[in-house]
Protein backbone atom coordinates (compact mmCIF):
# COMPACT_ATOMS: atom_id res chain seq x y z
CA MET A 1 0.00 0.00 0.00
CA PHE A 2 1.26 3.47 -0.87
CA GLU A 3 0.48 6.75 0.82
CA VAL A 4 1.07 10.23 -0.51
CA ALA A 5 1.91 13.15 1.76
CA GLU A 6 2.45 16.75 0.72
CA ILE A 7 5.65 18.37 1.93
CA ALA A 8 4.99 22.06 2.43
CA GLY A 9 7.30 24.79 3.61
CA ALA A 10 10.42 22.62 3.51
CA ARG A 11 13.56 23.41 1.57
CA LEU A 12 14.76 20.20 0.01
CA ARG A 13 18.15 19.82 -1.63
CA ARG A 14 20.01 17.15 -3.53
CA LEU A 15 23.56 16.92 -4.72
CA ASN A 16 24.27 15.47 -8.14
CA SER A 17 27.83 14.71 -9.13
CA LEU A 18 29.43 13.96 -12.45
CA CYS A 19 32.53 11.85 -11.79
CA SER A 20 34.80 9.82 -14.00
CA VAL A 21 37.90 7.68 -13.92
CA SER A 22 41.07 9.06 -15.51
CA ASP A 23 41.49 9.37 -19.28
CA GLU A 24 43.91 6.45 -19.30
CA GLU A 25 41.22 4.14 -17.92
CA LEU A 26 38.53 5.12 -20.43
CA SER A 27 38.09 3.92 -23.98
CA PRO A 28 37.86 6.55 -26.71
CA ALA A 29 34.08 6.05 -26.73
CA GLY A 30 33.95 6.49 -22.94
CA ARG A 31 35.92 9.75 -23.16
CA ALA A 32 33.56 11.00 -25.88
CA VAL A 33 30.50 10.21 -23.77
CA ARG A 34 32.03 11.98 -20.78
CA VAL A 35 32.69 15.11 -22.83
CA VAL A 36 29.18 15.19 -24.31
CA LEU A 37 27.56 14.58 -20.91
CA ALA A 38 29.59 17.33 -19.23
CA ASP A 39 28.88 19.77 -22.09
CA CYS A 40 25.17 19.01 -21.96
CA ALA A 41 25.00 19.52 -18.18
CA SER A 42 27.04 22.74 -18.44
CA GLU A 43 24.78 24.14 -21.13
CA LEU A 44 21.59 23.31 -19.23
CA VAL A 45 22.88 25.00 -16.07
CA ALA A 46 24.31 28.03 -17.90
CA LYS A 47 21.05 28.66 -19.76
CA GLY A 48 18.91 28.14 -16.64
CA ARG A 49 17.14 25.16 -18.18
CA TRP A 50 18.00 22.84 -15.28
CA ALA A 51 15.80 24.38 -12.59
CA GLY A 52 17.65 25.02 -9.36
CA ALA A 53 20.95 23.58 -10.60
CA ARG A 54 24.26 25.33 -10.15
CA PHE A 55 27.93 24.42 -10.28
CA SER A 56 29.62 24.01 -6.94
CA HIS A 57 33.03 22.90 -8.26
CA LEU A 58 34.79 22.91 -11.59
CA ASP A 59 38.10 21.23 -12.39
CA PRO A 60 40.53 23.29 -14.46
């Protein structure tokens, strides 16, 4: 049995991380996917299309 409860007045947060192993451990296809995924996430955040998302850390 499931129950539904409204959460009102609370500030909920979640942390999403994009992590990867080093370049040496990834195949060329894996590196390509990592680049596309990071670019997509960056674009969504920069354009405000990922509601509430922001960058908390960027590697150089």
